[in-house]
Amino acid sequence: MYLLLVIVVWILFAYRFVDWKQVGKQYPTILFFIAVNMTYNFLYYNHTLWAFRGVTLEWLNHSIINMAFTFFICPVGLIIYLQRFPRTKSAQFIYITIWVAFYTVLEWLFSMKGMYVYDHGWNNWLNIPLNAVLFIVLYIHYRNPVRALIISLPIAVLFYVFFPFPLDSLK
């Protein structure tokens, strides 16, 4: 079961790279990420652009896998990302680029195994700008939550403009 392997790997990352005394500082940004991710999953539930697919067990579907990613895997990654964020602008650009590349490659590898699927015009190339925006906005949120919320609203509208879902698909 790939999901279990991924969880074990992220537990090892958490053990090695997380300063647990400092996690309270990252907590509001983790909640912001969870809210954004759950909003996408709610709005695009019947019109997904990307989705997880369990390949080892019949009952392992997008919703279950996404819960593991939303509430465990991504928060650990975000804590590591935020706790180790560099101070200099040039180092920040490189650091964000590395994280964007890391997540994009992971998503691509999962898609090659059939565990991550795309639909309605989405593809792995679009993960690059999405991940870049995500990591930048998450860092902005970490430094200034109000600014991140103000920036996120027009980004969400643009996202909908480029990737609309039928409004009658909402329940």
C-alpha atoms as a PDB file:
ATOM      1  CA  MET A   1       0.000   0.000   0.000  1.00  0.00           C
ATOM      2  CA  TYR A   2       1.661   3.155  -1.310  1.00  0.00           C
ATOM      3  CA  LEU A   3      -0.198   5.478   1.047  1.00  0.00           C
ATOM      4  CA  LEU A   4       1.226   3.699   4.072  1.00  0.00           C
ATOM      5  CA  LEU A   5       4.739   3.939   2.611  1.00  0.00           C
ATOM      6  CA  VAL A   6       4.298   7.671   1.965  1.00  0.00           C
ATOM      7  CA  ILE A   7       3.051   8.204   5.529  1.00  0.00           C
ATOM      8  CA  VAL A   8       6.033   6.305   6.963  1.00  0.00           C
ATOM      9  CA  VAL A   9       8.447   8.390   4.864  1.00  0.00           C
ATOM     10  CA  TRP A  10       6.839  11.627   6.101  1.00  0.00           C
ATOM     11  CA  ILE A  11       6.970  10.365   9.705  1.00  0.00           C
ATOM     12  CA  LEU A  12      10.711   9.898   9.223  1.00  0.00           C
ATOM     13  CA  PHE A  13      10.981  13.390   7.709  1.00  0.00           C
ATOM     14  CA  ALA A  14       9.042  14.790  10.680  1.00  0.00           C
ATOM     15  CA  TYR A  15      11.295  12.996  13.147  1.00  0.00           C
ATOM     16  CA  ARG A  16      14.447  14.234  11.413  1.00  0.00           C
ATOM     17  CA  PHE A  17      13.552  17.767  10.304  1.00  0.00           C
ATOM     18  CA  VAL A  18      10.772  19.209  12.501  1.00  0.00           C
ATOM     19  CA  ASP A  19      11.524  21.314  15.567  1.00  0.00           C
ATOM     20  CA  TRP A  20       8.424  20.376  17.552  1.00  0.00           C
ATOM     21  CA  LYS A  21       8.906  23.253  20.009  1.00  0.00           C
ATOM     22  CA  GLN A  22       8.292  25.702  17.144  1.00  0.00           C
ATOM     23  CA  VAL A  23       5.248  24.061  15.506  1.00  0.00           C
ATOM     24  CA  GLY A  24       2.828  26.544  17.101  1.00  0.00           C
ATOM     25  CA  LYS A  25       4.250  29.247  14.837  1.00  0.00           C
ATOM     26  CA  GLN A  26       3.366  27.252  11.720  1.00  0.00           C
ATOM     27  CA  TYR A  27      -0.055  26.111  12.969  1.00  0.00           C
ATOM     28  CA  PRO A  28      -2.116  29.033  11.551  1.00  0.00           C
ATOM     29  CA  THR A  29      -0.542  28.525   8.104  1.00  0.00           C
ATOM     30  CA  ILE A  30      -1.279  24.802   8.251  1.00  0.00           C
ATOM     31  CA  LEU A  31      -4.918  25.629   9.011  1.00  0.00           C
ATOM     32  CA  PHE A  32      -4.928  28.072   6.079  1.00  0.00           C
ATOM     33  CA  PHE A  33      -3.611  25.332   3.774  1.00  0.00           C
ATOM     34  CA  ILE A  34      -6.230  22.880   5.057  1.00  0.00           C
ATOM     35  CA  ALA A  35      -8.993  25.449   4.444  1.00  0.00           C
ATOM     36  CA  VAL A  36      -7.782  26.133   0.889  1.00  0.00           C
ATOM     37  CA  ASN A  37      -7.427  22.453   0.064  1.00  0.00           C
ATOM     38  CA  MET A  38     -10.802  21.523   1.515  1.00  0.00           C
ATOM     39  CA  THR A  39     -12.428  24.434  -0.352  1.00  0.00           C
ATOM     40  CA  TYR A  40     -10.992  23.141  -3.642  1.00  0.00           C
ATOM     41  CA  ASN A  41     -12.223  19.623  -2.846  1.00  0.00           C
ATOM     42  CA  PHE A  42     -15.698  20.918  -1.968  1.00  0.00           C
ATOM     43  CA  LEU A  43     -16.122  23.205  -4.984  1.00  0.00           C
ATOM     44  CA  TYR A  44     -14.567  20.821  -7.501  1.00  0.00           C
ATOM     45  CA  TYR A  45     -15.966  17.602  -6.009  1.00  0.00           C
ATOM     46  CA  ASN A  46     -18.010  16.742  -9.108  1.00  0.00           C
ATOM     47  CA  HIS A  47     -15.596  18.414 -11.546  1.00  0.00           C
ATOM     48  CA  THR A  48     -12.116  17.473 -10.317  1.00  0.00           C
ATOM     49  CA  LEU A  49      -9.032  18.780 -12.043  1.00  0.00           C
ATOM     50  CA  TRP A  50      -6.776  16.349 -10.213  1.00  0.00           C
ATOM     51  CA  ALA A  51      -7.547  13.434  -7.952  1.00  0.00           C
ATOM     52  CA  PHE A  52      -5.838  10.685  -6.035  1.00  0.00           C
ATOM     53  CA  ARG A  53      -6.577   7.127  -7.038  1.00  0.00           C
ATOM     54  CA  GLY A  54      -5.902   4.124  -4.866  1.00  0.00           C
ATOM     55  CA  VAL A  55      -4.290   1.365  -6.892  1.00  0.00           C
ATOM     56  CA  THR A  56      -3.850  -1.260  -4.197  1.00  0.00           C
ATOM     57  CA  LEU A  57      -7.193  -1.389  -2.392  1.00  0.00           C
ATOM     58  CA  GLU A  58     -10.697  -0.973  -3.794  1.00  0.00           C
ATOM     59  CA  TRP A  59     -11.916   1.279  -0.958  1.00  0.00           C
ATOM     60  CA  LEU A  60      -8.869   3.573  -1.091  1.00  0.00           C
ATOM     61  CA  ASN A  61     -10.378   6.511  -2.988  1.00  0.00           C
ATOM     62  CA  HIS A  62      -9.588  10.185  -3.505  1.00  0.00           C
ATOM     63  CA  SER A  63     -11.398  11.327  -0.369  1.00  0.00           C
ATOM     64  CA  ILE A  64      -9.557   8.952   1.958  1.00  0.00           C
ATOM     65  CA  ILE A  65      -6.145   9.575   0.380  1.00  0.00           C
ATOM     66  CA  ASN A  66      -6.778  13.326   0.349  1.00  0.00           C
ATOM     67  CA  MET A  67      -7.562  13.284   4.072  1.00  0.00           C
ATOM     68  CA  ALA A  68      -4.148  11.706   4.747  1.00  0.00           C
ATOM     69  CA  PHE A  69      -2.464  14.327   2.564  1.00  0.00           C
ATOM     70  CA  THR A  70      -4.480  17.237   3.968  1.00  0.00           C
ATOM     71  CA  PHE A  71      -4.198  16.441   7.652  1.00  0.00           C
ATOM     72  CA  PHE A  72      -0.846  14.671   7.907  1.00  0.00           C
ATOM     73  CA  ILE A  73       1.508  14.582   4.912  1.00  0.00           C
ATOM     74  CA  CYS A  74       1.208  18.186   3.708  1.00  0.00           C
ATOM     75  CA  PRO A  75       1.257  19.709   7.212  1.00  0.00           C
ATOM     76  CA  VAL A  76       4.542  17.914   7.946  1.00  0.00           C
ATOM     77  CA  GLY A  77       5.950  19.188   4.653  1.00  0.00           C
ATOM     78  CA  LEU A  78       4.742  22.717   5.392  1.00  0.00           C
ATOM     79  CA  ILE A  79       6.285  22.720   8.853  1.00  0.00           C
ATOM     80  CA  ILE A  80       9.628  21.687   7.378  1.00  0.00           C
ATOM     81  CA  TYR A  81       9.267  24.250   4.566  1.00  0.00           C
ATOM     82  CA  LEU A  82       8.438  27.130   6.908  1.00  0.00           C
ATOM     83  CA  GLN A  83      10.887  26.261   9.686  1.00  0.00           C
ATOM     84  CA  ARG A  84      13.837  26.163   7.290  1.00  0.00           C
ATOM     85  CA  PHE A  85      12.893  29.134   5.111  1.00  0.00           C
ATOM     86  CA  PRO A  86      16.062  31.154   4.310  1.00  0.00           C
ATOM     87  CA  ARG A  87      16.439  34.852   5.074  1.00  0.00           C
ATOM     88  CA  THR A  88      18.125  36.170   1.918  1.00  0.00           C
ATOM     89  CA  LYS A  89      16.071  36.895  -1.206  1.00  0.00           C
ATOM     90  CA  SER A  90      18.327  34.899  -3.554  1.00  0.00           C
ATOM     91  CA  ALA A  91      18.271  31.896  -1.241  1.00  0.00           C
ATOM     92  CA  GLN A  92      14.470  32.216  -0.918  1.00  0.00           C
ATOM     93  CA  PHE A  93      14.011  32.010  -4.688  1.00  0.00           C
ATOM     94  CA  ILE A  94      16.175  28.885  -4.875  1.00  0.00           C
ATOM     95  CA  TYR A  95      14.444  27.377  -1.833  1.00  0.00           C
ATOM     96  CA  ILE A  96      10.942  27.900  -3.251  1.00  0.00           C
ATOM     97  CA  THR A  97      12.081  26.538  -6.619  1.00  0.00           C
ATOM     98  CA  ILE A  98      13.388  23.384  -4.943  1.00  0.00           C
ATOM     99  CA  TRP A  99      10.098  22.827  -3.085  1.00  0.00           C
ATOM    100  CA  VAL A 100       8.039  23.475  -6.224  1.00  0.00           C
ATOM    101  CA  ALA A 101      10.213  21.020  -8.159  1.00  0.00           C
ATOM    102  CA  PHE A 102      10.015  18.443  -5.351  1.00  0.00           C
ATOM    103  CA  TYR A 103       6.213  18.513  -5.152  1.00  0.00           C
ATOM    104  CA  THR A 104       5.806  18.652  -8.941  1.00  0.00           C
ATOM    105  CA  VAL A 105       8.084  15.639  -9.427  1.00  0.00           C
ATOM    106  CA  LEU A 106       6.248  13.713  -6.688  1.00  0.00           C
ATOM    107  CA  GLU A 107       2.924  14.454  -8.351  1.00  0.00           C
ATOM    108  CA  TRP A 108       4.338  13.440 -11.738  1.00  0.00           C
ATOM    109  CA  LEU A 109       5.678  10.160 -10.308  1.00  0.00           C
ATOM    110  CA  PHE A 110       2.302   9.425  -8.708  1.00  0.00           C
ATOM    111  CA  SER A 111       0.583  10.194 -12.034  1.00  0.00           C
ATOM    112  CA  MET A 112       2.940   7.834 -13.867  1.00  0.00           C
ATOM    113  CA  LYS A 113       1.853   5.060 -11.472  1.00  0.00           C
ATOM    114  CA  GLY A 114      -1.836   5.924 -11.964  1.00  0.00           C
ATOM    115  CA  MET A 115      -2.183   7.154  -8.383  1.00  0.00           C
ATOM    116  CA  TYR A 116      -2.756  10.784  -9.366  1.00  0.00           C
ATOM    117  CA  VAL A 117      -5.040  11.554 -12.303  1.00  0.00           C
ATOM    118  CA  TYR A 118      -5.894  14.724 -14.200  1.00  0.00           C
ATOM    119  CA  ASP A 119      -9.125  15.825 -15.838  1.00  0.00           C
ATOM    120  CA  HIS A 120     -10.949  18.846 -17.284  1.00  0.00           C
ATOM    121  CA  GLY A 121      -7.866  20.376 -18.885  1.00  0.00           C
ATOM    122  CA  TRP A 122      -5.439  19.972 -15.997  1.00  0.00           C
ATOM    123  CA  ASN A 123      -2.018  18.374 -16.502  1.00  0.00           C
ATOM    124  CA  ASN A 124       1.277  18.000 -14.696  1.00  0.00           C
ATOM    125  CA  TRP A 125       2.734  21.129 -16.327  1.00  0.00           C
ATOM    126  CA  LEU A 126       0.047  23.199 -14.626  1.00  0.00           C
ATOM    127  CA  ASN A 127       1.211  21.863 -11.263  1.00  0.00           C
ATOM    128  CA  ILE A 128       4.355  23.980 -11.635  1.00  0.00           C
ATOM    129  CA  PRO A 129       2.661  27.409 -11.471  1.00  0.00           C
ATOM    130  CA  LEU A 130       0.072  26.098  -8.991  1.00  0.00           C
ATOM    131  CA  ASN A 131       2.792  24.829  -6.653  1.00  0.00           C
ATOM    132  CA  ALA A 132       4.774  28.063  -7.082  1.00  0.00           C
ATOM    133  CA  VAL A 133       1.742  30.172  -6.139  1.00  0.00           C
ATOM    134  CA  LEU A 134       0.921  27.801  -3.286  1.00  0.00           C
ATOM    135  CA  PHE A 135       4.384  27.916  -1.717  1.00  0.00           C
ATOM    136  CA  ILE A 136       4.699  31.686  -2.130  1.00  0.00           C
ATOM    137  CA  VAL A 137       1.253  32.387  -0.659  1.00  0.00           C
ATOM    138  CA  LEU A 138       1.875  29.971   2.214  1.00  0.00           C
ATOM    139  CA  TYR A 139       5.059  31.812   3.118  1.00  0.00           C
ATOM    140  CA  ILE A 140       3.249  35.148   2.842  1.00  0.00           C
ATOM    141  CA  HIS A 141       0.556  33.742   5.140  1.00  0.00           C
ATOM    142  CA  TYR A 142       3.208  32.659   7.619  1.00  0.00           C
ATOM    143  CA  ARG A 143       4.586  36.215   7.707  1.00  0.00           C
ATOM    144  CA  ASN A 144       1.328  38.155   7.270  1.00  0.00           C
ATOM    145  CA  PRO A 145      -1.978  36.225   7.271  1.00  0.00           C
ATOM    146  CA  VAL A 146      -4.129  39.202   6.280  1.00  0.00           C
ATOM    147  CA  ARG A 147      -1.971  39.950   3.236  1.00  0.00           C
ATOM    148  CA  ALA A 148      -2.184  36.290   2.178  1.00  0.00           C
ATOM    149  CA  LEU A 149      -5.971  36.326   2.453  1.00  0.00           C
ATOM    150  CA  ILE A 150      -6.164  39.502   0.353  1.00  0.00           C
ATOM    151  CA  ILE A 151      -3.848  37.981  -2.270  1.00  0.00           C
ATOM    152  CA  SER A 152      -5.707  34.642  -2.250  1.00  0.00           C
ATOM    153  CA  LEU A 153      -9.112  36.023  -3.199  1.00  0.00           C
ATOM    154  CA  PRO A 154      -8.182  37.286  -6.690  1.00  0.00           C
ATOM    155  CA  ILE A 155      -6.065  34.147  -7.220  1.00  0.00           C
ATOM    156  CA  ALA A 156      -9.117  32.003  -6.433  1.00  0.00           C
ATOM    157  CA  VAL A 157     -11.248  34.031  -8.849  1.00  0.00           C
ATOM    158  CA  LEU A 158      -8.608  33.681 -11.600  1.00  0.00           C
ATOM    159  CA  PHE A 159      -8.395  29.970 -10.916  1.00  0.00           C
ATOM    160  CA  TYR A 160     -12.145  29.682 -11.401  1.00  0.00           C
ATOM    161  CA  VAL A 161     -12.011  31.810 -14.579  1.00  0.00           C
ATOM    162  CA  PHE A 162      -9.383  29.516 -16.122  1.00  0.00           C
ATOM    163  CA  PHE A 163     -10.822  26.271 -14.725  1.00  0.00           C
ATOM    164  CA  PRO A 164     -14.551  26.791 -14.168  1.00  0.00           C
ATOM    165  CA  PHE A 165     -16.831  24.138 -12.795  1.00  0.00           C
ATOM    166  CA  PRO A 166     -20.542  24.081 -13.541  1.00  0.00           C
ATOM    167  CA  LEU A 167     -22.316  25.853 -10.712  1.00  0.00           C
ATOM    168  CA  ASP A 168     -25.111  23.287 -10.878  1.00  0.00           C
ATOM    169  CA  SER A 169     -22.539  20.640  -9.890  1.00  0.00           C
ATOM    170  CA  LEU A 170     -22.571  22.041  -6.353  1.00  0.00           C
ATOM    171  CA  LYS A 171     -24.873  20.331  -3.891  1.00  0.00           C
END
